[in-house]
Amino acid sequence: MVEIGCIEMINRVATSETFHAYFNPERLMPAQAEAVHGLSDVFLADKPLFGEQAADLLAFLADSPLVAHNASFDFGFLNAELDRCGMEAVSTERMVDTIAIARTRHPGAKLSLDALCTRYGIDRSHRTRHGALLDAELLTQVYVELTGGRQIGLELVAEGSAAADEADSSVKMELRFRAARPHRASDSERGAHAEFMKTVQSPLWGGQFKNSGD
């Protein structure tokens, strides 16, 4: 592992809390890998070892669910590094895999992070190479879209169905619906409106519209 980036979300909204770190992998960087993320041996040479930052990382993660794209892949690297440090692995029960969610919502479609950004109109023009924190920022937006969009509370569905059923079973969402609020104007409001209309000079509607009795 050479880089990790995490973004805190509360109620599906990203907060300003993040964790980002580079690590010296204590080995030479393969050319194929460097072409993907752009992290060279020279850049990583003075970075701390994973073990030096592991406690801070685990403190940031605490006991929260962990959202990742192809989560088992990421967890494999994370837990391998924790094992090397003699630390307890992060339970896979905490994984929320956005690929698994996307597979249920868009069967047969491309499921890469780039493809999902395109599907949901998420701007990734500033993403020229893979970067952990940048990928996490994009994934927060993808995750919100996969789990109902930014107005999930406005969906006209029965509780426990629709968007919640389409998402992965590991994602727990609570849909709350408010009772309809009275919206008919009161007698005093209609009277105030009538008085106001008397003050309007040369109205745009010019008397074109008349009550039809509908």
N, C-alpha and C. Protein backbone atom coordinates (compact mmCIF):
# COMPACT_ATOMS: atom_id res chain seq x y z
N MET A 1 0.85 -1.19 0.00
CA MET A 1 0.00 0.00 0.00
C MET A 1 0.88 1.24 0.00
N VAL A 2 0.60 2.17 -0.91
CA VAL A 2 1.39 3.40 -1.01
C VAL A 2 0.57 4.65 -0.71
N GLU A 3 -0.75 4.53 -0.71
CA GLU A 3 -1.58 5.71 -0.45
C GLU A 3 -2.95 5.25 0.03
N ILE A 4 -3.53 6.02 0.93
CA ILE A 4 -4.91 5.77 1.35
C ILE A 4 -5.60 7.11 1.57
N GLY A 5 -6.84 7.19 1.14
CA GLY A 5 -7.62 8.40 1.33
C GLY A 5 -9.02 8.04 1.81
N CYS A 6 -9.48 8.69 2.85
CA CYS A 6 -10.80 8.40 3.43
C CYS A 6 -11.55 9.71 3.65
N ILE A 7 -12.85 9.67 3.44
CA ILE A 7 -13.71 10.83 3.65
C ILE A 7 -14.86 10.40 4.56
N GLU A 8 -15.10 11.18 5.59
CA GLU A 8 -16.20 10.88 6.50
C GLU A 8 -17.53 11.34 5.90
N MET A 9 -18.55 10.48 6.03
CA MET A 9 -19.90 10.83 5.63
C MET A 9 -20.84 10.59 6.81
N ILE A 10 -21.72 11.54 7.03
CA ILE A 10 -22.75 11.40 8.06
C ILE A 10 -24.09 11.63 7.38
N ASN A 11 -24.99 10.67 7.51
CA ASN A 11 -26.30 10.74 6.84
C ASN A 11 -26.14 10.98 5.34
N ARG A 12 -25.16 10.28 4.75
CA ARG A 12 -24.91 10.31 3.31
C ARG A 12 -24.41 11.67 2.82
N VAL A 13 -23.91 12.49 3.72
CA VAL A 13 -23.35 13.79 3.35
C VAL A 13 -21.90 13.84 3.81
N ALA A 14 -20.99 14.21 2.90
CA ALA A 14 -19.58 14.30 3.24
C ALA A 14 -19.35 15.46 4.20
N THR A 15 -18.58 15.20 5.25
CA THR A 15 -18.18 16.26 6.17
C THR A 15 -16.81 16.77 5.74
N SER A 16 -16.24 17.65 6.52
CA SER A 16 -14.91 18.17 6.21
C SER A 16 -13.80 17.29 6.76
N GLU A 17 -14.16 16.18 7.40
CA GLU A 17 -13.16 15.30 8.01
C GLU A 17 -12.62 14.31 6.99
N THR A 18 -11.30 14.27 6.84
CA THR A 18 -10.66 13.34 5.90
C THR A 18 -9.41 12.75 6.53
N PHE A 19 -8.96 11.64 5.95
CA PHE A 19 -7.66 11.06 6.30
C PHE A 19 -6.96 10.77 4.99
N HIS A 20 -5.72 11.25 4.86
CA HIS A 20 -4.97 11.02 3.63
C HIS A 20 -3.50 10.86 3.98
N ALA A 21 -2.88 9.83 3.45
CA ALA A 21 -1.47 9.60 3.73
C ALA A 21 -0.82 8.80 2.60
N TYR A 22 0.48 9.08 2.38
CA TYR A 22 1.31 8.29 1.48
C TYR A 22 2.24 7.44 2.34
N PHE A 23 2.62 6.28 1.82
CA PHE A 23 3.48 5.37 2.57
C PHE A 23 4.67 4.92 1.72
N ASN A 24 5.78 4.75 2.37
CA ASN A 24 6.95 4.15 1.73
C ASN A 24 6.73 2.63 1.71
N PRO A 25 6.62 2.02 0.53
CA PRO A 25 6.33 0.59 0.46
C PRO A 25 7.55 -0.30 0.72
N GLU A 26 8.70 0.30 0.90
CA GLU A 26 9.95 -0.44 1.14
C GLU A 26 10.27 -1.40 0.00
N ARG A 27 9.92 -1.00 -1.20
CA ARG A 27 10.24 -1.77 -2.40
C ARG A 27 10.17 -0.81 -3.58
N LEU A 28 10.76 -1.22 -4.70
CA LEU A 28 10.72 -0.39 -5.89
C LEU A 28 9.32 -0.41 -6.51
N MET A 29 8.94 0.72 -7.08
CA MET A 29 7.62 0.83 -7.68
C MET A 29 7.65 0.27 -9.10
N PRO A 30 6.81 -0.72 -9.40
CA PRO A 30 6.74 -1.24 -10.78
C PRO A 30 6.30 -0.14 -11.73
N ALA A 31 6.88 -0.15 -12.93
CA ALA A 31 6.56 0.90 -13.91
C ALA A 31 5.08 0.92 -14.25
N GLN A 32 4.45 -0.26 -14.33
CA GLN A 32 3.03 -0.31 -14.67
C GLN A 32 2.18 0.37 -13.60
N ALA A 33 2.55 0.18 -12.34
CA ALA A 33 1.80 0.80 -11.25
C ALA A 33 2.01 2.32 -11.23
N GLU A 34 3.26 2.75 -11.45
CA GLU A 34 3.54 4.18 -11.46
C GLU A 34 2.79 4.89 -12.57
N ALA A 35 2.59 4.19 -13.70
CA ALA A 35 1.86 4.79 -14.82
C ALA A 35 0.41 5.05 -14.44
N VAL A 36 -0.13 4.29 -13.49
CA VAL A 36 -1.53 4.44 -13.07
C VAL A 36 -1.68 5.57 -12.06
N HIS A 37 -0.84 5.57 -11.02
CA HIS A 37 -1.02 6.55 -9.94
C HIS A 37 0.02 7.67 -9.92
N GLY A 38 1.10 7.52 -10.67
CA GLY A 38 2.09 8.59 -10.75
C GLY A 38 2.98 8.75 -9.55
N LEU A 39 3.00 7.79 -8.64
CA LEU A 39 3.83 7.86 -7.43
C LEU A 39 5.16 7.14 -7.67
N SER A 40 6.22 7.91 -7.70
CA SER A 40 7.54 7.36 -8.02
C SER A 40 8.30 6.95 -6.77
N ASP A 41 9.40 6.22 -6.97
CA ASP A 41 10.27 5.83 -5.86
C ASP A 41 10.83 7.06 -5.15
N VAL A 42 11.18 8.08 -5.95
CA VAL A 42 11.74 9.30 -5.36
C VAL A 42 10.70 9.99 -4.48
N PHE A 43 9.46 10.08 -4.96
CA PHE A 43 8.39 10.73 -4.19
C PHE A 43 8.12 10.00 -2.89
N LEU A 44 8.11 8.67 -2.93
CA LEU A 44 7.74 7.87 -1.76
C LEU A 44 8.89 7.62 -0.79
N ALA A 45 10.10 7.96 -1.19
CA ALA A 45 11.28 7.61 -0.41
C ALA A 45 11.25 8.19 1.01
N ASP A 46 10.74 9.41 1.18
CA ASP A 46 10.76 10.04 2.51
C ASP A 46 9.41 9.94 3.23
N LYS A 47 8.50 9.13 2.68
CA LYS A 47 7.19 9.00 3.32
C LYS A 47 7.26 7.99 4.46
N PRO A 48 6.39 8.10 5.45
CA PRO A 48 6.41 7.17 6.59
C PRO A 48 6.00 5.76 6.18
N LEU A 49 6.38 4.79 6.98
CA LEU A 49 5.92 3.42 6.77
C LEU A 49 4.46 3.33 7.22
N PHE A 50 3.76 2.34 6.69
CA PHE A 50 2.35 2.19 7.05
C PHE A 50 2.19 2.05 8.56
N GLY A 51 3.07 1.27 9.18
CA GLY A 51 2.97 1.03 10.62
C GLY A 51 3.02 2.30 11.45
N GLU A 52 3.69 3.33 10.94
CA GLU A 52 3.81 4.58 11.67
C GLU A 52 2.50 5.38 11.65
N GLN A 53 1.63 5.08 10.71
CA GLN A 53 0.38 5.81 10.57
C GLN A 53 -0.85 4.96 10.88
N ALA A 54 -0.63 3.67 11.12
CA ALA A 54 -1.75 2.74 11.26
C ALA A 54 -2.69 3.13 12.40
N ALA A 55 -2.14 3.53 13.54
CA ALA A 55 -2.98 3.88 14.69
C ALA A 55 -3.86 5.08 14.36
N ASP A 56 -3.30 6.07 13.68
CA ASP A 56 -4.09 7.25 13.31
C ASP A 56 -5.20 6.87 12.34
N LEU A 57 -4.88 5.99 11.40
CA LEU A 57 -5.88 5.53 10.43
C LEU A 57 -7.03 4.82 11.14
N LEU A 58 -6.70 3.89 12.03
CA LEU A 58 -7.74 3.13 12.72
C LEU A 58 -8.57 4.04 13.63
N ALA A 59 -7.94 5.05 14.19
CA ALA A 59 -8.69 6.00 15.02
C ALA A 59 -9.69 6.77 14.17
N PHE A 60 -9.29 7.12 12.95
CA PHE A 60 -10.21 7.82 12.05
C PHE A 60 -11.37 6.92 11.64
N LEU A 61 -11.06 5.65 11.31
CA LEU A 61 -12.10 4.72 10.87
C LEU A 61 -13.06 4.36 12.00
N ALA A 62 -12.53 4.30 13.22
CA ALA A 62 -13.33 3.93 14.39
C ALA A 62 -14.11 2.65 14.09
N ASP A 63 -15.41 2.62 14.40
CA ASP A 63 -16.20 1.42 14.15
C ASP A 63 -17.24 1.64 13.04
N SER A 64 -17.00 2.62 12.18
CA SER A 64 -17.96 2.97 11.14
C SER A 64 -17.96 1.94 10.01
N PRO A 65 -19.09 1.82 9.29
CA PRO A 65 -19.10 1.05 8.04
C PRO A 65 -18.13 1.71 7.06
N LEU A 66 -17.50 0.90 6.21
CA LEU A 66 -16.49 1.42 5.29
C LEU A 66 -16.93 1.18 3.86
N VAL A 67 -17.18 2.25 3.13
CA VAL A 67 -17.63 2.19 1.75
C VAL A 67 -16.41 2.19 0.83
N ALA A 68 -16.37 1.25 -0.10
CA ALA A 68 -15.26 1.20 -1.05
C ALA A 68 -15.76 0.60 -2.36
N HIS A 69 -15.09 0.94 -3.44
CA HIS A 69 -15.42 0.40 -4.75
C HIS A 69 -14.57 -0.84 -4.96
N ASN A 70 -15.24 -2.00 -5.09
CA ASN A 70 -14.55 -3.29 -5.08
C ASN A 70 -13.88 -3.46 -3.71
N ALA A 71 -14.70 -3.42 -2.68
CA ALA A 71 -14.23 -3.34 -1.30
C ALA A 71 -13.32 -4.50 -0.90
N SER A 72 -13.60 -5.71 -1.35
CA SER A 72 -12.76 -6.85 -0.95
C SER A 72 -11.32 -6.67 -1.40
N PHE A 73 -11.11 -6.01 -2.53
CA PHE A 73 -9.77 -5.73 -3.03
C PHE A 73 -9.05 -4.78 -2.08
N ASP A 74 -9.72 -3.68 -1.73
CA ASP A 74 -9.11 -2.70 -0.82
C ASP A 74 -8.87 -3.29 0.56
N PHE A 75 -9.84 -4.04 1.06
CA PHE A 75 -9.69 -4.64 2.39
C PHE A 75 -8.54 -5.63 2.42
N GLY A 76 -8.31 -6.31 1.30
CA GLY A 76 -7.20 -7.25 1.24
C GLY A 76 -5.87 -6.56 1.48
N PHE A 77 -5.65 -5.42 0.84
CA PHE A 77 -4.41 -4.67 1.03
C PHE A 77 -4.33 -4.11 2.45
N LEU A 78 -5.44 -3.53 2.93
CA LEU A 78 -5.44 -2.92 4.25
C LEU A 78 -5.14 -3.95 5.33
N ASN A 79 -5.80 -5.09 5.27
CA ASN A 79 -5.61 -6.10 6.31
C ASN A 79 -4.24 -6.78 6.20
N ALA A 80 -3.69 -6.87 5.00
CA ALA A 80 -2.34 -7.41 4.85
C ALA A 80 -1.34 -6.51 5.55
N GLU A 81 -1.51 -5.20 5.40
CA GLU A 81 -0.60 -4.25 6.05
C GLU A 81 -0.79 -4.29 7.57
N LEU A 82 -2.03 -4.38 8.02
CA LEU A 82 -2.28 -4.46 9.46
C LEU A 82 -1.68 -5.73 10.05
N ASP A 83 -1.74 -6.82 9.31
CA ASP A 83 -1.16 -8.07 9.77
C ASP A 83 0.36 -7.95 9.92
N ARG A 84 0.99 -7.25 8.98
CA ARG A 84 2.44 -7.06 9.06
C ARG A 84 2.82 -6.23 10.28
N CYS A 85 1.91 -5.38 10.71
CA CYS A 85 2.16 -4.55 11.89
C CYS A 85 1.78 -5.25 13.19
N GLY A 86 1.25 -6.46 13.08
CA GLY A 86 0.80 -7.18 14.26
C GLY A 86 -0.48 -6.61 14.84
N MET A 87 -1.30 -5.96 13.98
CA MET A 87 -2.54 -5.37 14.44
C MET A 87 -3.74 -6.17 13.93
N GLU A 88 -4.86 -6.03 14.62
CA GLU A 88 -6.05 -6.79 14.27
C GLU A 88 -6.63 -6.32 12.94
N ALA A 89 -7.08 -7.28 12.14
CA ALA A 89 -7.66 -6.96 10.83
C ALA A 89 -9.00 -6.24 11.00
N VAL A 90 -9.35 -5.46 10.01
CA VAL A 90 -10.66 -4.81 9.98
C VAL A 90 -11.68 -5.83 9.47
N SER A 91 -12.76 -6.01 10.19
CA SER A 91 -13.76 -7.02 9.82
C SER A 91 -14.39 -6.72 8.47
N THR A 92 -14.50 -7.76 7.66
CA THR A 92 -15.14 -7.60 6.35
C THR A 92 -16.64 -7.35 6.49
N GLU A 93 -17.20 -7.57 7.67
CA GLU A 93 -18.61 -7.29 7.88
C GLU A 93 -18.89 -5.78 7.83
N ARG A 94 -17.84 -4.99 7.91
CA ARG A 94 -18.01 -3.53 7.84
C ARG A 94 -17.98 -3.03 6.40
N MET A 95 -17.73 -3.91 5.45
CA MET A 95 -17.61 -3.50 4.06
C MET A 95 -18.96 -3.11 3.47
N VAL A 96 -18.97 -2.02 2.76
CA VAL A 96 -20.10 -1.63 1.90
C VAL A 96 -19.51 -1.47 0.51
N ASP A 97 -19.80 -2.41 -0.37
CA ASP A 97 -19.16 -2.45 -1.68
C ASP A 97 -20.05 -1.78 -2.72
N THR A 98 -19.62 -0.66 -3.25
CA THR A 98 -20.43 0.05 -4.23
C THR A 98 -20.55 -0.71 -5.55
N ILE A 99 -19.62 -1.58 -5.85
CA ILE A 99 -19.77 -2.41 -7.05
C ILE A 99 -20.95 -3.36 -6.87
N ALA A 100 -21.07 -3.94 -5.68
CA ALA A 100 -22.20 -4.85 -5.41
C ALA A 100 -23.53 -4.11 -5.51
N ILE A 101 -23.56 -2.88 -4.99
CA ILE A 101 -24.79 -2.09 -5.09
C ILE A 101 -25.10 -1.77 -6.54
N ALA A 102 -24.06 -1.33 -7.27
CA ALA A 102 -24.25 -0.96 -8.68
C ALA A 102 -24.70 -2.16 -9.51
N ARG A 103 -24.23 -3.34 -9.18
CA ARG A 103 -24.60 -4.53 -9.95
C ARG A 103 -26.09 -4.82 -9.82
N THR A 104 -26.67 -4.54 -8.66
CA THR A 104 -28.11 -4.77 -8.49
C THR A 104 -28.94 -3.69 -9.17
N ARG A 105 -28.41 -2.47 -9.23
CA ARG A 105 -29.15 -1.36 -9.83
C ARG A 105 -28.98 -1.28 -11.34
N HIS A 106 -27.81 -1.70 -11.84
CA HIS A 106 -27.53 -1.59 -13.27
C HIS A 106 -26.93 -2.90 -13.79
N PRO A 107 -27.69 -3.98 -13.76
CA PRO A 107 -27.16 -5.27 -14.20
C PRO A 107 -26.72 -5.22 -15.67
N GLY A 108 -25.54 -5.75 -15.91
CA GLY A 108 -25.02 -5.81 -17.27
C GLY A 108 -24.30 -4.56 -17.72
N ALA A 109 -24.35 -3.49 -16.92
CA ALA A 109 -23.69 -2.24 -17.30
C ALA A 109 -22.25 -2.24 -16.80
N LYS A 110 -21.44 -1.31 -17.33
CA LYS A 110 -20.08 -1.15 -16.84
C LYS A 110 -20.14 -0.58 -15.42
N LEU A 111 -19.29 -1.11 -14.54
CA LEU A 111 -19.38 -0.76 -13.13
C LEU A 111 -18.13 -0.08 -12.59
N SER A 112 -17.22 0.32 -13.46
CA SER A 112 -16.03 1.02 -12.98
C SER A 112 -16.44 2.36 -12.38
N LEU A 113 -15.56 2.94 -11.58
CA LEU A 113 -15.85 4.24 -11.00
C LEU A 113 -16.05 5.28 -12.09
N ASP A 114 -15.22 5.23 -13.13
CA ASP A 114 -15.37 6.17 -14.25
C ASP A 114 -16.74 6.01 -14.92
N ALA A 115 -17.14 4.75 -15.16
CA ALA A 115 -18.41 4.50 -15.83
C ALA A 115 -19.59 5.00 -15.00
N LEU A 116 -19.52 4.81 -13.69
CA LEU A 116 -20.62 5.27 -12.83
C LEU A 116 -20.65 6.79 -12.74
N CYS A 117 -19.49 7.42 -12.75
CA CYS A 117 -19.45 8.89 -12.77
C CYS A 117 -20.13 9.40 -14.04
N THR A 118 -19.85 8.75 -15.16
CA THR A 118 -20.47 9.14 -16.42
C THR A 118 -21.98 8.95 -16.37
N ARG A 119 -22.42 7.82 -15.84
CA ARG A 119 -23.86 7.52 -15.76
C ARG A 119 -24.59 8.57 -14.94
N TYR A 120 -23.98 9.01 -13.84
CA TYR A 120 -24.66 9.93 -12.94
C TYR A 120 -24.28 11.39 -13.16
N GLY A 121 -23.52 11.67 -14.22
CA GLY A 121 -23.17 13.06 -14.53
C GLY A 121 -22.25 13.69 -13.51
N ILE A 122 -21.35 12.90 -12.93
CA ILE A 122 -20.41 13.41 -11.93
C ILE A 122 -19.12 13.84 -12.63
N ASP A 123 -18.72 15.07 -12.43
CA ASP A 123 -17.55 15.62 -13.12
C ASP A 123 -16.26 14.98 -12.61
N ARG A 124 -15.52 14.38 -13.50
CA ARG A 124 -14.23 13.80 -13.13
C ARG A 124 -13.13 14.32 -14.05
N SER A 125 -13.35 15.50 -14.64
CA SER A 125 -12.40 16.05 -15.59
C SER A 125 -11.04 16.33 -14.95
N HIS A 126 -11.02 16.54 -13.62
CA HIS A 126 -9.77 16.81 -12.92
C HIS A 126 -9.04 15.53 -12.53
N ARG A 127 -9.59 14.40 -12.88
CA ARG A 127 -8.98 13.12 -12.51
C ARG A 127 -8.19 12.57 -13.69
N THR A 128 -6.91 12.91 -13.74
CA THR A 128 -6.06 12.42 -14.82
C THR A 128 -5.35 11.13 -14.45
N ARG A 129 -5.17 10.90 -13.15
CA ARG A 129 -4.58 9.67 -12.65
C ARG A 129 -5.33 9.25 -11.39
N HIS A 130 -5.13 7.98 -11.04
CA HIS A 130 -5.75 7.49 -9.81
C HIS A 130 -5.08 8.14 -8.60
N GLY A 131 -5.89 8.70 -7.73
CA GLY A 131 -5.41 9.23 -6.46
C GLY A 131 -6.40 8.82 -5.40
N ALA A 132 -5.91 8.38 -4.25
CA ALA A 132 -6.80 7.80 -3.24
C ALA A 132 -7.86 8.78 -2.75
N LEU A 133 -7.44 9.99 -2.40
CA LEU A 133 -8.42 10.93 -1.86
C LEU A 133 -9.37 11.43 -2.94
N LEU A 134 -8.85 11.65 -4.14
CA LEU A 134 -9.71 12.07 -5.25
C LEU A 134 -10.72 10.98 -5.59
N ASP A 135 -10.28 9.74 -5.62
CA ASP A 135 -11.21 8.63 -5.87
C ASP A 135 -12.27 8.56 -4.78
N ALA A 136 -11.86 8.81 -3.54
CA ALA A 136 -12.82 8.78 -2.43
C ALA A 136 -13.85 9.89 -2.59
N GLU A 137 -13.41 11.07 -3.05
CA GLU A 137 -14.34 12.17 -3.27
C GLU A 137 -15.37 11.82 -4.34
N LEU A 138 -14.91 11.20 -5.42
CA LEU A 138 -15.84 10.80 -6.47
C LEU A 138 -16.78 9.70 -5.97
N LEU A 139 -16.23 8.80 -5.17
CA LEU A 139 -17.05 7.69 -4.68
C LEU A 139 -18.14 8.16 -3.73
N THR A 140 -17.89 9.23 -2.97
CA THR A 140 -18.95 9.73 -2.10
C THR A 140 -20.16 10.15 -2.93
N GLN A 141 -19.90 10.77 -4.08
CA GLN A 141 -21.01 11.20 -4.95
C GLN A 141 -21.70 10.01 -5.60
N VAL A 142 -20.90 9.04 -6.03
CA VAL A 142 -21.47 7.84 -6.64
C VAL A 142 -22.32 7.08 -5.61
N TYR A 143 -21.82 6.97 -4.40
CA TYR A 143 -22.53 6.25 -3.34
C TYR A 143 -23.89 6.89 -3.07
N VAL A 144 -23.92 8.21 -3.01
CA VAL A 144 -25.19 8.92 -2.79
C VAL A 144 -26.17 8.60 -3.91
N GLU A 145 -25.70 8.62 -5.15
CA GLU A 145 -26.58 8.32 -6.28
C GLU A 145 -27.06 6.87 -6.25
N LEU A 146 -26.18 5.97 -5.90
CA LEU A 146 -26.54 4.54 -5.86
C LEU A 146 -27.56 4.24 -4.77
N THR A 147 -27.58 5.05 -3.73
CA THR A 147 -28.47 4.77 -2.61
C THR A 147 -29.66 5.72 -2.57
N GLY A 148 -30.05 6.23 -3.74
CA GLY A 148 -31.30 6.97 -3.82
C GLY A 148 -31.19 8.40 -4.26
N GLY A 149 -29.98 8.93 -4.45
CA GLY A 149 -29.85 10.31 -4.87
C GLY A 149 -29.90 11.27 -3.71
N ARG A 150 -29.80 12.55 -4.01
CA ARG A 150 -29.69 13.56 -2.97
C ARG A 150 -31.02 13.93 -2.34
N GLN A 151 -32.14 13.47 -2.91
CA GLN A 151 -33.45 13.77 -2.34
C GLN A 151 -34.18 12.48 -2.01
N ILE A 152 -33.46 11.58 -1.37
CA ILE A 152 -34.03 10.27 -1.08
C ILE A 152 -35.31 10.38 -0.25
N GLY A 153 -35.38 11.39 0.65
CA GLY A 153 -36.56 11.52 1.51
C GLY A 153 -37.80 11.96 0.77
N LEU A 154 -37.68 12.37 -0.52
CA LEU A 154 -38.83 12.83 -1.27
C LEU A 154 -39.42 11.76 -2.17
N GLU A 155 -38.84 10.57 -2.17
CA GLU A 155 -39.33 9.53 -3.06
C GLU A 155 -40.72 9.07 -2.62
N LEU A 156 -41.65 8.96 -3.59
CA LEU A 156 -43.02 8.57 -3.28
C LEU A 156 -43.14 7.05 -3.32
N VAL A 157 -42.58 6.40 -2.31
CA VAL A 157 -42.60 4.95 -2.24
C VAL A 157 -42.98 4.55 -0.82
N ALA A 158 -43.43 3.31 -0.70
CA ALA A 158 -43.73 2.80 0.63
C ALA A 158 -42.44 2.58 1.38
N GLU A 159 -42.47 2.75 2.68
CA GLU A 159 -41.28 2.61 3.50
C GLU A 159 -40.69 1.21 3.32
N GLY A 160 -39.35 1.17 3.16
CA GLY A 160 -38.65 -0.10 3.06
C GLY A 160 -38.63 -0.68 1.67
N SER A 161 -39.09 0.08 0.65
CA SER A 161 -39.07 -0.46 -0.71
C SER A 161 -38.31 0.46 -1.63
N ALA A 162 -38.49 0.26 -2.93
CA ALA A 162 -37.89 1.11 -3.97
C ALA A 162 -36.39 1.21 -3.81
N ALA A 163 -35.89 2.44 -3.59
CA ALA A 163 -34.44 2.65 -3.56
C ALA A 163 -33.77 1.79 -2.51
N ALA A 164 -34.42 1.62 -1.36
CA ALA A 164 -33.80 0.83 -0.31
C ALA A 164 -33.66 -0.62 -0.73
N ASP A 165 -34.65 -1.17 -1.43
CA ASP A 165 -34.59 -2.56 -1.85
C ASP A 165 -33.57 -2.76 -2.96
N GLU A 166 -33.39 -1.73 -3.80
CA GLU A 166 -32.47 -1.87 -4.91
C GLU A 166 -31.02 -1.82 -4.45
N ALA A 167 -30.76 -1.14 -3.34
CA ALA A 167 -29.40 -1.03 -2.84
C ALA A 167 -28.96 -2.35 -2.22
N ASP A 168 -27.66 -2.46 -2.00
CA ASP A 168 -27.10 -3.65 -1.37
C ASP A 168 -27.68 -3.80 0.03
N SER A 169 -27.86 -5.05 0.45
CA SER A 169 -28.50 -5.29 1.74
C SER A 169 -27.68 -4.78 2.90
N SER A 170 -26.37 -4.51 2.68
CA SER A 170 -25.53 -3.99 3.76
C SER A 170 -25.74 -2.51 3.99
N VAL A 171 -26.46 -1.84 3.09
CA VAL A 171 -26.71 -0.41 3.24
C VAL A 171 -28.07 -0.22 3.90
N LYS A 172 -28.08 0.34 5.07
CA LYS A 172 -29.31 0.52 5.83
C LYS A 172 -29.80 1.94 5.64
N MET A 173 -30.99 2.10 5.09
CA MET A 173 -31.55 3.43 4.89
C MET A 173 -32.92 3.49 5.53
N GLU A 174 -33.21 4.60 6.16
CA GLU A 174 -34.52 4.80 6.79
C GLU A 174 -35.24 5.90 6.05
N LEU A 175 -36.38 5.57 5.44
CA LEU A 175 -37.17 6.55 4.71
C LEU A 175 -38.29 7.05 5.62
N ARG A 176 -38.35 8.35 5.79
CA ARG A 176 -39.37 8.94 6.64
C ARG A 176 -40.26 9.84 5.80
N PHE A 177 -41.55 9.78 6.05
CA PHE A 177 -42.51 10.55 5.27
C PHE A 177 -43.35 11.42 6.20
N ARG A 178 -43.48 12.68 5.84
CA ARG A 178 -44.29 13.59 6.62
C ARG A 178 -45.74 13.57 6.14
N ALA A 179 -46.63 13.78 7.07
CA ALA A 179 -48.04 13.88 6.70
C ALA A 179 -48.25 15.14 5.87
N ALA A 180 -49.22 15.10 4.96
CA ALA A 180 -49.49 16.26 4.11
C ALA A 180 -49.87 17.46 4.98
N ARG A 181 -49.32 18.62 4.63
CA ARG A 181 -49.62 19.83 5.39
C ARG A 181 -50.77 20.60 4.73
N PRO A 182 -51.62 21.25 5.50
CA PRO A 182 -52.71 22.05 4.92
C PRO A 182 -52.13 23.12 3.99
N HIS A 183 -52.74 23.30 2.82
CA HIS A 183 -52.19 24.26 1.88
C HIS A 183 -53.26 25.21 1.32
N ARG A 184 -54.51 25.06 1.76
CA ARG A 184 -55.57 25.95 1.28
C ARG A 184 -55.43 27.32 1.96
N ALA A 185 -55.55 28.40 1.18
CA ALA A 185 -55.47 29.75 1.73
C ALA A 185 -56.65 30.02 2.66
N SER A 186 -56.37 30.70 3.75
CA SER A 186 -57.44 31.04 4.70
C SER A 186 -58.24 32.23 4.17
N ASP A 187 -59.39 32.52 4.81
CA ASP A 187 -60.21 33.66 4.40
C ASP A 187 -59.42 34.96 4.52
N SER A 188 -58.66 35.09 5.58
CA SER A 188 -57.88 36.32 5.76
C SER A 188 -56.80 36.45 4.70
N GLU A 189 -56.19 35.34 4.32
CA GLU A 189 -55.15 35.37 3.28
C GLU A 189 -55.75 35.73 1.92
N ARG A 190 -56.93 35.17 1.61
CA ARG A 190 -57.58 35.50 0.35
C ARG A 190 -57.99 36.98 0.32
N GLY A 191 -58.44 37.49 1.47
CA GLY A 191 -58.81 38.90 1.54
C GLY A 191 -57.60 39.80 1.35
N ALA A 192 -56.48 39.43 1.98
CA ALA A 192 -55.26 40.23 1.84
C ALA A 192 -54.78 40.21 0.39
N HIS A 193 -54.92 39.05 -0.27
CA HIS A 193 -54.50 38.95 -1.67
C HIS A 193 -55.38 39.84 -2.56
N ALA A 194 -56.69 39.83 -2.30
CA ALA A 194 -57.61 40.65 -3.10
C ALA A 194 -57.28 42.13 -2.96
N GLU A 195 -56.96 42.56 -1.74
CA GLU A 195 -56.62 43.96 -1.52
C GLU A 195 -55.33 44.32 -2.24
N PHE A 196 -54.37 43.40 -2.20
CA PHE A 196 -53.10 43.65 -2.90
C PHE A 196 -53.32 43.78 -4.40
N MET A 197 -54.17 42.91 -4.96
CA MET A 197 -54.39 42.93 -6.40
C MET A 197 -55.01 44.25 -6.87
N LYS A 198 -55.73 44.93 -5.99
CA LYS A 198 -56.31 46.22 -6.35
C LYS A 198 -55.23 47.27 -6.59
N THR A 199 -54.06 47.05 -6.04
CA THR A 199 -52.96 48.03 -6.18
C THR A 199 -52.12 47.80 -7.41
N VAL A 200 -52.34 46.68 -8.12
CA VAL A 200 -51.53 46.35 -9.29
C VAL A 200 -52.02 47.17 -10.48
N GLN A 201 -51.13 47.96 -11.07
CA GLN A 201 -51.47 48.80 -12.20
C GLN A 201 -51.08 48.12 -13.51
N SER A 202 -51.98 48.11 -14.48
CA SER A 202 -51.73 47.51 -15.81
C SER A 202 -51.13 46.11 -15.69
N PRO A 203 -51.86 45.18 -15.13
CA PRO A 203 -51.32 43.81 -14.96
C PRO A 203 -51.00 43.17 -16.31
N LEU A 204 -49.98 42.32 -16.31
CA LEU A 204 -49.54 41.67 -17.54
C LEU A 204 -50.64 40.82 -18.16
N TRP A 205 -51.49 40.25 -17.30
CA TRP A 205 -52.53 39.37 -17.83
C TRP A 205 -53.65 40.17 -18.51
N GLY A 206 -53.73 41.47 -18.28
CA GLY A 206 -54.60 42.35 -19.03
C GLY A 206 -56.05 41.91 -19.14
N GLY A 207 -56.54 41.21 -18.18
CA GLY A 207 -57.92 40.80 -18.19
C GLY A 207 -58.21 39.66 -19.15
N GLN A 208 -57.14 38.99 -19.65
CA GLN A 208 -57.35 37.90 -20.61
C GLN A 208 -58.02 36.70 -19.95
N PHE A 209 -57.69 36.51 -18.67
CA PHE A 209 -58.14 35.30 -18.02
C PHE A 209 -59.35 35.60 -17.15
N LYS A 210 -60.34 34.75 -17.24
CA LYS A 210 -61.54 34.91 -16.45
C LYS A 210 -61.87 33.59 -15.77
N ASN A 211 -62.52 33.70 -14.67
CA ASN A 211 -62.91 32.48 -13.97
C ASN A 211 -63.84 31.65 -14.83
N SER A 212 -63.52 30.40 -14.95
CA SER A 212 -64.33 29.50 -15.77
C SER A 212 -65.29 28.68 -14.93
N GLY A 213 -65.12 28.77 -13.63
CA GLY A 213 -65.97 27.96 -12.75
C GLY A 213 -65.40 26.58 -12.50
N ASP A 214 -64.19 26.28 -13.07
CA ASP A 214 -63.60 24.96 -12.83
C ASP A 214 -63.02 24.91 -11.43
